[in-house]
Protein backbone atom coordinates (compact mmCIF):
# COMPACT_ATOMS: atom_id res chain seq x y z
CA MET A 1 43.16 17.07 -34.77
CA GLY A 2 42.34 16.93 -38.47
CA GLU A 3 40.81 13.49 -38.10
CA LYS A 4 38.68 14.56 -35.22
CA TYR A 5 37.51 17.47 -37.33
CA LYS A 6 36.63 15.16 -40.22
CA CYS A 7 34.83 12.99 -37.85
CA HIS A 8 32.73 15.74 -36.31
CA LEU A 9 31.79 16.91 -39.84
CA LEU A 10 30.70 13.35 -40.71
CA GLU A 11 28.53 13.11 -37.61
CA PHE A 12 27.05 16.52 -38.23
CA GLY A 13 26.30 15.68 -41.82
CA MET A 14 24.73 12.31 -40.85
CA ALA A 15 22.48 14.12 -38.27
CA ILE A 16 21.41 16.70 -40.75
CA GLY A 17 20.57 13.92 -43.20
CA PHE A 18 18.31 12.20 -40.64
CA LEU A 19 16.47 15.53 -40.09
CA VAL A 20 15.96 16.08 -43.76
CA ALA A 21 15.02 12.56 -44.68
CA GLY A 22 12.99 11.83 -41.49
CA ARG A 23 14.33 11.00 -38.13
CA MET A 24 15.58 7.49 -37.24
CA ALA A 25 13.26 5.12 -35.74
CA GLY A 26 12.62 5.84 -32.01
CA ALA A 27 9.72 6.44 -29.78
CA ALA A 28 6.91 7.84 -31.88
CA THR A 29 4.86 10.88 -30.85
CA PRO A 30 1.71 9.34 -29.30
CA ASP A 31 -1.52 10.03 -31.03
CA PRO A 32 -3.61 11.09 -29.36
CA PHE A 33 -1.17 12.96 -27.17
CA ILE A 34 -2.81 12.95 -23.69
CA CYS A 35 -0.21 14.15 -21.25
CA MET A 36 -0.40 14.05 -17.47
CA PHE A 37 2.01 16.44 -15.72
CA GLY A 38 3.34 16.00 -12.29
CA HIS A 39 4.59 12.50 -11.61
CA SER A 40 7.37 12.10 -8.97
CA ASP A 41 9.04 9.56 -6.79
CA ASN A 42 7.14 10.78 -3.59
CA VAL A 43 5.62 7.97 -1.58
CA GLY A 44 2.48 6.52 -3.08
CA VAL A 45 2.53 8.65 -6.19
CA THR A 46 3.32 5.89 -8.71
CA GLU A 47 0.76 3.55 -7.31
CA HIS A 48 -1.86 6.37 -7.46
CA PHE A 49 -0.87 7.14 -10.96
CA ARG A 50 -1.43 3.53 -12.05
CA THR A 51 -5.20 3.92 -11.11
CA PHE A 52 -5.83 6.48 -13.77
CA ILE A 53 -3.06 5.97 -16.36
CA PRO A 54 -4.86 3.96 -18.98
CA PRO A 55 -6.13 6.82 -21.29
CA PHE A 56 -2.97 8.89 -20.79
CA THR A 57 -0.27 8.39 -23.46
CA VAL A 58 2.49 10.52 -21.90
CA ILE A 59 3.36 10.74 -18.24
CA GLU A 60 5.61 13.80 -17.38
CA GLY A 61 7.59 14.12 -14.19
CA THR A 62 10.76 13.76 -12.17
CA GLY A 63 10.46 10.01 -11.62
CA THR A 64 13.53 7.71 -11.55
CA ASP A 65 11.93 4.28 -11.18
CA PRO A 66 13.20 2.36 -14.21
CA ASP A 67 10.59 -0.45 -13.72
CA PHE A 68 7.68 2.17 -13.92
CA ILE A 69 9.22 3.83 -16.98
CA LYS A 70 9.72 0.40 -18.74
CA GLU A 71 6.19 -0.64 -17.71
CA LEU A 72 4.89 2.46 -19.58
CA ARG A 73 7.18 1.66 -22.57
CA ALA A 74 5.74 -1.87 -22.72
CA ASP A 75 2.24 -0.39 -22.84
CA GLY A 76 3.10 2.04 -25.61
CA LYS A 77 3.28 5.10 -23.42
CA ILE A 78 6.06 7.56 -23.01
CA TYR A 79 7.64 8.92 -19.84
CA ALA A 80 8.79 12.60 -20.36
CA ALA A 81 11.40 13.72 -17.93
CA HIS A 82 10.88 17.20 -16.60
CA VAL A 83 13.58 19.73 -17.37
CA THR A 84 13.70 23.42 -16.78
CA ASN A 85 14.44 26.59 -18.81
CA PRO A 86 16.43 28.96 -16.49
CA THR A 87 16.44 32.44 -17.94
CA GLY A 88 20.15 33.15 -17.48
CA ASP A 89 21.25 29.91 -19.36
CA SER A 90 23.18 30.17 -22.64
CA ALA A 91 22.40 27.93 -25.53
CA ALA A 92 25.23 25.57 -24.51
CA GLN A 93 23.95 25.46 -20.97
CA LEU A 94 20.46 24.66 -22.05
CA VAL A 95 21.65 21.75 -24.20
CA ALA A 96 23.76 20.50 -21.38
CA ARG A 97 20.76 20.69 -19.08
CA TRP A 98 18.22 19.22 -21.52
CA ARG A 99 20.30 16.31 -22.64
CA ILE A 100 20.80 14.86 -19.17
CA PRO A 101 17.72 12.49 -19.19
CA PHE A 102 18.56 11.28 -22.68
CA ASP A 103 21.91 10.15 -21.47
CA ASN A 104 20.68 8.86 -18.10
CA THR A 105 20.23 5.07 -18.11
CA LEU A 106 19.53 4.96 -14.39
CA GLY A 107 22.62 2.89 -13.65
CA GLY A 108 22.04 0.70 -16.65
CA GLN A 109 18.56 -0.21 -15.76
CA LEU A 110 16.95 2.04 -18.49
CA PRO A 111 18.55 1.14 -21.75
CA GLY A 112 18.84 4.11 -24.03
CA GLY A 113 17.96 6.53 -21.41
CA TYR A 114 14.71 8.51 -21.20
CA ASP A 115 12.70 8.56 -24.40
CA ALA A 116 11.40 12.13 -24.00
CA ILE A 117 11.97 15.42 -22.15
CA SER A 118 9.43 18.05 -21.26
CA ILE A 119 10.81 21.51 -21.24
CA ASP A 120 9.05 23.65 -18.62
CA GLU A 121 8.64 26.34 -19.84
CA LEU A 122 9.26 29.08 -22.48
CA HIS A 123 8.65 32.43 -20.85
CA GLY A 124 6.58 35.46 -21.90
CA ALA A 125 9.42 37.94 -21.29
CA HIS A 126 11.49 36.41 -24.03
CA THR A 127 10.15 37.89 -27.29
CA ASN A 128 11.83 37.71 -30.64
CA GLY A 129 15.42 38.98 -30.59
CA THR A 130 16.02 38.77 -26.84
CA ALA A 131 19.08 36.87 -25.75
CA HIS A 132 17.18 34.02 -24.17
CA SER A 133 14.89 33.65 -27.21
CA ASN A 134 18.02 33.30 -29.28
CA ALA A 135 19.50 30.84 -26.79
CA VAL A 136 16.32 28.66 -26.84
CA THR A 137 16.16 28.54 -30.58
CA SER A 138 19.80 27.58 -30.93
CA ALA A 139 19.60 25.04 -28.17
CA LEU A 140 16.58 23.25 -29.67
CA ALA A 141 18.38 22.96 -33.05
CA ASP A 142 21.58 21.57 -31.38
CA LEU A 143 19.67 19.14 -29.21
CA ARG A 144 17.91 17.79 -32.21
CA VAL A 145 21.11 17.14 -34.02
CA LEU A 146 22.52 15.40 -31.00
CA TYR A 147 19.33 13.31 -30.47
CA PRO A 148 17.42 12.83 -33.77
CA THR A 149 15.29 9.90 -32.42
CA LYS A 150 14.31 11.36 -29.04
CA GLN A 151 11.02 13.09 -28.26
CA ILE A 152 11.17 16.80 -27.22
CA TYR A 153 8.05 18.39 -25.77
CA VAL A 154 7.90 22.08 -24.98
CA ALA A 155 5.56 23.99 -22.65
CA VAL A 156 4.97 27.64 -23.23
CA THR A 157 3.14 30.30 -21.26
CA TRP A 158 -0.11 31.69 -22.58
CA HIS A 159 1.66 34.61 -24.35
CA TYR A 160 2.90 32.30 -27.17
CA SER A 161 -0.69 31.46 -28.31
CA GLY A 162 -2.31 34.60 -27.10
CA GLY A 163 0.13 36.77 -29.15
CA PRO A 164 2.31 34.42 -31.16
CA ALA A 165 3.65 37.17 -33.52
CA SER A 166 6.09 38.10 -30.77
CA TYR A 167 7.46 34.68 -30.41
CA THR A 168 7.85 33.50 -33.98
CA ASP A 169 11.61 32.59 -33.46
CA GLN A 170 10.99 30.17 -30.69
CA LEU A 171 7.71 28.90 -32.15
CA ASN A 172 9.36 28.05 -35.50
CA ALA A 173 12.18 26.29 -33.66
CA VAL A 174 9.61 24.20 -31.73
CA ASN A 175 7.90 23.51 -35.00
CA THR A 176 11.07 22.38 -36.69
CA TYR A 177 12.98 20.61 -33.97
CA ALA A 178 10.50 19.60 -31.18
CA ASP A 179 7.68 16.96 -31.31
CA MET A 180 4.92 18.69 -29.25
CA LEU A 181 4.13 22.27 -28.15
CA MET A 182 2.10 22.33 -24.94
CA ALA A 183 0.46 25.80 -24.89
CA GLU A 184 -0.86 26.71 -21.44
CA CYS A 185 -4.44 27.90 -21.59
CA TYR A 186 -5.23 28.52 -17.89
CA ILE A 187 -8.90 29.30 -17.42
CA ARG A 188 -10.28 29.94 -13.92
CA GLU A 189 -13.94 29.50 -13.03
CA SER A 190 -14.08 33.18 -12.03
CA ASN A 191 -12.84 34.21 -15.41
CA PRO A 192 -14.51 31.63 -17.72
CA SER A 193 -12.76 32.85 -20.94
CA TYR A 194 -13.51 29.62 -22.90
CA GLY A 195 -13.18 31.58 -26.17
CA TRP A 196 -9.42 31.62 -25.69
CA LEU A 197 -9.38 27.93 -26.76
CA THR A 198 -10.66 28.69 -30.16
CA GLN A 199 -9.10 32.15 -30.61
CA TRP A 200 -5.57 30.91 -29.58
CA ALA A 201 -5.87 27.93 -31.79
CA ASP A 202 -6.58 30.24 -34.76
CA ASN A 203 -3.63 32.53 -33.70
CA LEU A 204 -1.17 29.67 -33.83
CA LYS A 205 -2.51 28.18 -37.10
CA ASN A 206 -2.45 31.67 -38.86
CA THR A 207 1.10 32.65 -37.50
CA ILE A 208 3.07 29.34 -37.66
CA PRO A 209 1.63 27.09 -40.52
CA GLY A 210 1.55 23.46 -39.52
CA ILE A 211 2.25 23.95 -35.77
CA LEU A 212 -1.31 23.23 -34.72
CA ASN A 213 -1.00 19.61 -35.69
CA LYS A 214 1.73 19.35 -33.02
CA THR A 215 0.17 21.57 -30.46
CA VAL A 216 -2.06 20.70 -27.34
CA PHE A 217 -3.49 22.98 -24.87
CA GLY A 218 -2.39 22.72 -21.26
CA LEU A 219 -5.62 23.01 -19.22
CA TYR A 220 -5.83 24.55 -15.75
CA THR A 221 -6.81 21.73 -13.36
CA SER A 222 -4.82 23.03 -10.32
CA GLN A 223 -6.84 23.24 -6.95
CA GLY A 224 -4.10 24.06 -4.48
CA GLY A 225 -1.80 27.05 -4.32
CA PHE A 226 -2.90 28.01 -7.84
CA VAL A 227 -6.64 27.53 -7.97
CA ALA A 228 -8.85 26.99 -11.00
CA ASP A 229 -12.06 26.21 -9.12
CA ASP A 230 -12.06 29.62 -7.38
CA THR A 231 -15.73 30.54 -7.21
CA THR A 232 -19.05 28.98 -6.04
CA SER A 233 -20.86 30.45 -9.09
CA LEU A 234 -19.85 27.46 -11.27
CA GLY A 235 -19.51 23.80 -10.88
CA TYR A 236 -15.83 22.67 -11.41
CA TRP A 237 -16.65 19.40 -13.29
CA GLY A 238 -18.89 21.37 -15.78
CA HIS A 239 -16.10 23.98 -16.16
CA LEU A 240 -13.63 21.30 -17.17
CA ASP A 241 -16.27 19.69 -19.44
CA GLU A 242 -16.80 22.94 -21.18
CA GLN A 243 -13.18 23.26 -22.16
CA PHE A 244 -12.92 19.80 -23.63
CA HIS A 245 -16.12 20.41 -25.45
CA ARG A 246 -14.86 23.65 -26.92
CA ILE A 247 -11.76 21.99 -28.19
CA LYS A 248 -13.43 19.06 -29.75
CA ASN A 249 -16.08 21.21 -31.50
CA ASP A 250 -14.01 23.90 -32.97
CA ALA A 251 -12.79 23.47 -36.57
CA ASP A 252 -9.23 24.31 -35.79
CA ALA A 253 -8.75 23.32 -32.21
CA SER A 254 -10.29 19.91 -32.96
CA ASP A 255 -7.21 19.29 -35.20
CA MET A 256 -4.96 19.49 -32.10
CA PRO A 257 -3.91 15.87 -31.23
CA GLY A 258 -4.80 15.88 -27.56
CA VAL A 259 -4.49 17.77 -24.26
CA MET A 260 -2.09 18.28 -21.38
CA LEU A 261 -3.19 18.62 -17.79
CA TRP A 262 -2.11 18.23 -14.21
CA PRO A 263 -5.03 16.90 -12.22
CA TYR A 264 -2.86 15.18 -9.71
CA TYR A 265 -0.01 17.53 -8.79
CA ARG A 266 -1.66 20.47 -7.03
CA SER A 267 -5.15 18.95 -7.42
CA GLU A 268 -7.66 17.26 -5.21
CA GLN A 269 -6.17 13.83 -5.61
CA THR A 270 -9.12 11.56 -4.72
CA LEU A 271 -11.57 12.76 -7.38
CA THR A 272 -10.16 15.16 -9.96
CA PRO A 273 -7.74 12.71 -11.70
CA ASP A 274 -10.59 10.23 -12.10
CA TYR A 275 -12.97 12.83 -13.51
CA CYS A 276 -10.35 14.08 -15.98
CA THR A 277 -9.86 10.33 -17.04
CA MET A 278 -13.68 10.16 -17.68
CA LEU A 279 -13.43 13.33 -19.83
CA ILE A 280 -10.55 11.93 -21.74
CA ASN A 281 -12.26 8.58 -22.37
CA HIS A 282 -15.36 10.45 -23.58
CA TYR A 283 -13.81 12.96 -25.87
CA TYR A 284 -10.69 11.16 -27.08
CA THR A 285 -10.96 7.41 -26.55
CA ASP A 286 -14.66 7.35 -27.59
CA GLY A 287 -14.40 10.29 -29.99
CA GLN A 288 -17.54 11.96 -28.64
CA THR A 289 -18.28 15.63 -29.36
CA VAL A 290 -21.39 16.03 -27.18
CA TYR A 291 -21.01 17.19 -23.62
CA PHE A 292 -19.96 14.54 -21.09
CA GLY A 293 -22.32 16.25 -18.56
CA ASP A 294 -25.33 18.32 -19.13
CA GLY A 295 -23.38 21.40 -20.35
CA SER A 296 -24.64 23.62 -17.61
CA ALA A 297 -21.65 23.78 -15.15
CA SER A 298 -24.24 24.50 -12.42
CA GLN A 299 -23.44 24.80 -8.73
CA LEU A 300 -26.66 23.86 -6.87
CA ILE A 301 -26.39 25.51 -3.39
CA SER A 302 -27.81 28.97 -3.53
CA ASN A 303 -26.24 30.34 -0.29
CA SER A 304 -22.87 28.63 -0.49
CA GLN A 305 -20.85 31.47 1.17
CA PHE A 306 -23.05 32.80 4.06
CA GLU A 307 -22.66 36.39 2.92
CA ASN A 308 -24.20 38.16 5.91
CA THR A 309 -27.04 35.62 5.97
CA THR A 310 -27.91 32.01 6.84
CA SER A 311 -30.84 32.06 4.45
CA GLY A 312 -31.53 28.57 3.05
CA TRP A 313 -29.74 26.89 6.07
CA THR A 314 -31.24 25.38 9.16
CA LEU A 315 -29.13 25.90 12.20
CA THR A 316 -29.46 23.22 15.03
CA PRO A 317 -27.06 24.08 17.88
CA GLY A 318 -26.26 21.34 20.39
CA SER A 319 -26.70 21.65 24.12
CA GLY A 320 -24.25 24.36 25.30
CA GLY A 321 -23.08 24.94 21.68
CA SER A 322 -23.70 27.72 19.23
CA ILE A 323 -23.87 28.35 15.43
CA ASP A 324 -23.71 31.83 14.01
CA LEU A 325 -22.12 33.96 11.32
CA PHE A 326 -18.57 35.33 11.80
CA ASN A 327 -16.88 38.17 10.00
CA TYR A 328 -13.43 37.49 8.60
CA GLY A 329 -12.27 40.93 9.88
CA SER A 330 -12.72 39.67 13.38
CA VAL A 331 -10.75 36.44 13.09
CA SER A 332 -7.19 35.62 12.25
CA VAL A 333 -7.68 33.34 9.25
CA ALA A 334 -7.45 33.98 5.56
CA ASN A 335 -10.68 34.47 3.76
CA ASP A 336 -9.46 32.20 0.92
CA HIS A 337 -8.01 28.77 0.40
CA ASP A 338 -5.30 29.51 -2.16
CA ASP A 339 -1.90 31.24 -2.28
CA PHE A 340 -3.05 34.34 -4.22
CA GLY A 341 -6.40 35.36 -2.69
CA LEU A 342 -8.34 34.31 -5.80
CA ALA A 343 -10.59 31.72 -4.22
CA SER A 344 -12.29 34.34 -2.03
CA HIS A 345 -14.58 33.30 0.80
CA GLY A 346 -16.04 36.87 0.91
CA SER A 347 -16.62 38.61 4.15
CA TYR A 348 -18.60 36.12 6.24
CA GLY A 349 -18.61 32.50 7.10
CA LEU A 350 -20.44 30.07 9.47
CA ARG A 351 -18.96 29.35 12.99
CA MET A 352 -19.74 26.41 15.19
CA ILE A 353 -18.62 26.22 18.84
CA ARG A 354 -19.13 22.78 20.19
CA GLY A 355 -21.01 22.22 23.43
CA SER A 356 -21.92 18.92 25.00
CA ASN A 357 -23.92 17.68 21.87
CA THR A 358 -23.41 18.04 18.17
CA ASN A 359 -23.96 21.29 16.26
CA ALA A 360 -25.44 20.93 12.79
CA ALA A 361 -26.27 23.21 9.88
CA SER A 362 -28.30 21.79 7.00
CA THR A 363 -29.54 22.96 3.65
CA GLN A 364 -32.05 20.97 1.47
CA ILE A 365 -31.66 20.51 -2.23
CA SER A 366 -34.43 19.22 -4.53
CA GLY A 367 -34.54 18.03 -8.10
CA LEU A 368 -31.72 15.67 -7.86
CA SER A 369 -31.54 12.60 -10.21
CA THR A 370 -31.05 9.12 -8.65
CA ALA A 371 -29.31 8.15 -11.84
CA LYS A 372 -26.50 10.63 -11.35
CA ALA A 373 -23.44 10.90 -9.05
CA TYR A 374 -23.04 14.29 -7.40
CA THR A 375 -20.07 15.94 -5.71
CA VAL A 376 -20.38 17.81 -2.46
CA SER A 377 -17.50 19.97 -1.21
CA ALA A 378 -17.01 22.14 1.96
CA TRP A 379 -14.06 24.09 3.32
CA VAL A 380 -13.53 24.13 7.09
CA ILE A 381 -10.95 25.49 9.54
CA SER A 382 -10.45 25.12 13.24
CA LEU A 383 -9.14 27.83 15.49
CA SER A 384 -8.28 25.35 18.34
CA GLY A 385 -5.57 22.77 17.85
CA SER A 386 -4.81 20.30 15.06
CA THR A 387 -6.86 17.25 15.95
CA ASN A 388 -10.30 18.59 15.39
CA THR A 389 -13.29 16.78 13.85
CA ALA A 390 -15.58 18.03 11.06
CA LYS A 391 -18.21 16.12 9.16
CA VAL A 392 -20.32 16.50 6.09
CA ALA A 393 -23.26 14.21 5.65
CA ILE A 394 -25.88 13.63 2.95
CA THR A 395 -29.24 12.30 4.13
CA GLU A 396 -32.71 11.83 2.89
CA THR A 397 -35.24 14.39 4.24
CA ASP A 398 -36.25 12.04 7.07
CA GLY A 399 -32.69 11.63 8.21
CA THR A 400 -31.93 8.34 6.42
CA PRO A 401 -28.11 8.36 5.86
CA ILE A 402 -27.00 8.33 2.22
CA GLN A 403 -23.24 9.15 2.54
CA SER A 404 -20.84 11.10 4.76
CA LYS A 405 -17.22 11.84 5.30
CA THR A 406 -15.42 12.98 8.37
CA LEU A 407 -12.02 14.60 8.86
CA THR A 408 -10.33 14.26 12.20
CA ASN A 409 -7.32 16.42 11.59
CA VAL A 410 -8.83 19.84 10.78
CA GLY A 411 -6.27 22.54 11.45
CA THR A 412 -3.14 20.51 10.54
CA PRO A 413 -0.41 21.94 8.28
CA PRO A 414 -1.03 21.59 4.59
CA ASN A 415 -0.69 18.09 3.14
CA PHE A 416 -1.84 19.32 -0.37
CA ILE A 417 -4.47 16.58 -0.44
CA THR A 418 -7.23 17.83 1.94
CA THR A 419 -5.38 20.85 3.35
CA TRP A 420 -4.00 23.53 1.03
CA ASN A 421 -3.28 26.39 3.46
CA GLU A 422 -4.91 26.49 6.86
CA TRP A 423 -8.23 25.32 5.36
CA SER A 424 -9.19 21.75 4.93
CA ARG A 425 -11.50 20.42 2.32
CA ILE A 426 -14.13 17.75 2.67
CA ILE A 427 -15.13 16.43 -0.73
CA PHE A 428 -16.85 13.20 -2.00
CA HIS A 429 -19.18 11.78 -4.63
CA PHE A 430 -22.59 10.32 -3.72
CA VAL A 431 -25.46 8.84 -5.61
CA PRO A 432 -28.87 10.16 -4.07
CA THR A 433 -31.38 7.57 -3.19
CA VAL A 434 -34.24 10.21 -3.50
CA SER A 435 -34.61 13.47 -5.41
CA THR A 436 -34.50 15.74 -2.28
CA ILE A 437 -31.58 15.50 0.13
CA ASN A 438 -30.11 17.35 3.04
CA ILE A 439 -26.50 18.48 3.17
CA ILE A 440 -25.45 18.65 6.81
CA LEU A 441 -22.36 20.28 8.21
CA SER A 442 -21.56 19.22 11.78
CA ASP A 443 -18.89 18.86 14.56
CA GLU A 444 -20.04 15.37 15.38
CA GLY A 445 -17.34 13.57 17.28
CA ALA A 446 -15.61 16.72 18.25
CA SER A 447 -14.65 17.70 21.79
CA ALA A 448 -16.50 20.38 23.80
CA GLY A 449 -15.13 23.86 23.06
CA GLN A 450 -13.93 23.03 19.58
CA THR A 451 -14.51 25.88 17.08
CA LEU A 452 -15.12 25.17 13.37
CA ASN A 453 -15.47 27.84 10.68
CA TRP A 454 -17.20 26.69 7.49
CA ASP A 455 -17.40 28.36 4.04
CA PHE A 456 -17.44 27.71 0.31
CA ILE A 457 -19.98 24.88 0.31
CA GLU A 458 -20.67 23.45 -3.17
CA LEU A 459 -22.79 20.73 -4.83
CA GLU A 460 -22.74 19.72 -8.51
CA ASP A 461 -23.53 16.88 -10.64
CA ALA A 462 -20.64 14.76 -11.65
CA PHE A 463 -21.58 11.91 -14.04
CA ASP A 464 -24.31 9.47 -14.94
CA ALA A 465 -24.31 6.63 -12.40
CA ILE A 466 -26.60 3.78 -13.15
CA THR A 467 -26.68 1.66 -9.97
CA ALA A 468 -26.68 -1.70 -11.59
CA PHE A 469 -26.93 -3.77 -8.43
CA ASP A 470 -26.34 -3.72 -4.68
CA LEU A 471 -23.52 -5.63 -3.11
CA GLY A 472 -24.70 -4.97 0.42
CA ALA A 473 -22.93 -3.19 3.32
CA PHE A 474 -19.48 -4.65 2.58
CA ASP A 475 -17.66 -1.84 4.28
CA GLY A 476 -19.13 -2.87 7.58
CA ASN A 477 -20.96 0.41 8.49
CA GLY A 478 -24.42 -1.01 8.31
CA LEU A 479 -25.32 1.25 5.36
CA VAL A 480 -25.84 0.41 1.75
CA ASN A 481 -24.44 3.40 -0.03
CA CYS A 482 -21.85 4.55 -2.54
CA ASN A 483 -19.11 2.61 -0.86
CA ASP A 484 -21.02 -0.54 -1.67
CA LEU A 485 -22.77 0.00 -4.96
CA GLN A 486 -21.54 -1.29 -8.22
CA VAL A 487 -21.88 1.55 -10.57
CA LEU A 488 -21.92 1.37 -14.40
CA LYS A 489 -20.16 4.62 -15.25
CA THR A 490 -20.38 4.14 -18.98
CA PRO A 491 -23.90 3.11 -19.77
CA GLY A 492 -24.33 0.67 -22.56
CA ASP A 493 -20.74 -0.50 -22.57
CA PRO A 494 -20.42 -3.66 -20.52
CA SER A 495 -16.58 -3.72 -21.07
CA ALA A 496 -16.22 -0.37 -19.37
CA ASP A 497 -15.98 0.79 -15.73
CA ILE A 498 -18.01 -1.34 -13.41
CA ALA A 499 -17.37 -0.54 -9.65
CA SER A 500 -16.28 -3.43 -7.64
CA GLN A 501 -15.53 -4.15 -4.04
CA PRO A 502 -14.62 -0.97 -2.23
CA ASN A 503 -10.98 -0.37 -1.52
CA ALA A 504 -11.61 0.12 2.14
CA ASP A 505 -10.16 3.59 2.36
CA ASN A 506 -13.47 4.90 3.82
CA GLU A 507 -13.66 7.50 1.05
CA VAL A 508 -16.40 7.68 -1.55
CA ASN A 509 -14.56 8.00 -4.80
CA LEU A 510 -13.68 6.18 -7.90
CA PHE A 511 -10.47 4.65 -6.52
CA GLY A 512 -12.84 2.24 -4.84
CA PHE A 513 -13.86 1.14 -8.35
CA SER A 514 -11.99 -1.21 -10.57
CA LEU A 515 -12.09 -1.81 -14.37
CA PHE A 516 -14.51 -4.59 -14.99
CA SER A 517 -13.02 -7.63 -16.73
CA PHE A 518 -14.05 -11.11 -17.30
CA ASN A 519 -10.56 -12.25 -16.42
CA TYR A 520 -11.14 -12.59 -12.70
CA LEU A 521 -8.44 -14.08 -10.52
CA SER A 522 -9.38 -17.43 -9.09
CA ASP A 523 -8.34 -16.36 -5.49
CA ASP A 524 -10.69 -13.29 -5.57
CA PRO A 525 -13.63 -14.30 -3.32
CA PHE A 526 -15.93 -11.73 -4.88
CA SER A 527 -15.14 -12.57 -8.49
CA GLN A 528 -17.86 -15.08 -9.17
CA GLN A 529 -20.38 -13.09 -7.22
CA GLU A 530 -19.60 -9.97 -9.26
CA LEU A 531 -19.57 -11.94 -12.50
CA ASP A 532 -22.99 -13.48 -11.64
CA ASN A 533 -24.38 -10.12 -10.67
CA PHE A 534 -23.24 -8.60 -13.84
CA THR A 535 -24.58 -11.34 -15.93
CA THR A 536 -27.98 -10.96 -14.17
CA PHE A 537 -27.97 -7.30 -14.77
CA MET A 538 -27.20 -7.71 -18.41
CA ASP A 539 -29.99 -10.28 -18.73
CA THR A 540 -32.63 -7.95 -17.23
CA SER A 541 -31.48 -4.64 -18.64
């Protein structure tokens, strides 16, 4: 017994020595700290993450694929295992819970276990002196003694940066024993309190000296269940751009080493992760402080919610069909597309009942730039079955097609990609070929009698898109459009993002683009053509 006691004293003394003298060599805290929350072992998630991982330095989640985690390690990135903070746990129970990933070698396939954990989250109810505040502070100290070389990241609710004086016990413990504080700053479009980013950075700096250098804001990118883009009065991309811009241009917030966000989990998965990647490249990889976009956050459709009027829209009913307004009080569907009634559709929407021909409602937008990519979005619901068809099309004023997207499963249960409650979303990027375009909502391809309700229609500019050259109608639809164009997303940087052959998913998004490289594979039939086209472009630009 005495020998065991001596041994434990020795181990404790050694651990304290490591903390005082500097922790032993282990995975270093990434700088910048660009964290993507929400990875999992769900089908397709890892492959999807790989398409936008490059600028992220930390991937957080519940994944258990040792090959993926080692792949990240080899690339200098960290996988942070998601752990929770149950309010009833004692300090010993928290330590037992939080240490599990550190000890988990995934059956010997992950030597040394996980490199990091992400504690989600410290709660607003647990102010200084409460039992759980004391448990957390003790648990963090004990965990650091046990694992002096492991990375510990801690997420906290807004209360900790909004009013840090009430949480100094836990914040000081994070500052002493953890490697990164991830302070949630969740700003919705309908409450654009961008000043929180600068105010809360000041709060932390003034309350806990030194903590700001190991703090990042967690930005609100959720678009399903919890919804950040909850109004048509702002453009979502500009809303996100504004937050990055505020952080990078504030004297204190700009000292923070990165950001945390979750633009895949609970987000529109085909476009939002890629747009966030572009923001990260702009502000952190390239070190820019100017806006990525134009700084306006404009939403370009004036009557986007049909509030007791169809003004600005041209209604063209098909034979035997009809298009009119409906009142939400007369239908059995929610007038929102989130879990909390925040993304309100107001009192009215647009209803189509299919006859023998297509119904169409169109609005015309002028003043667009042919050197920009734009994003169009529409929410639609069907009251008749689960295999209903809805289409959004972009055309020139004479009807020449530019781009379109069709859903054939409107009314299906939520898949948390296109359908979040009973509403489905049609969203895609396009590059206009002319400055004035039509946005057309229709039931093209639907069966007679199908009813579609439309609402919350938005258009906003997304990013500069210089159409460098035209590959032709490779997707086989007879049209030369965004599925076929090679787009230089980063003007002036030939090593950056050149769009290549589409990925044949029939969706207009940046997953159809690939990172341009001169190291083409010899068995790629388009490699030489793309290289020749790129060379021609560079010679003539």
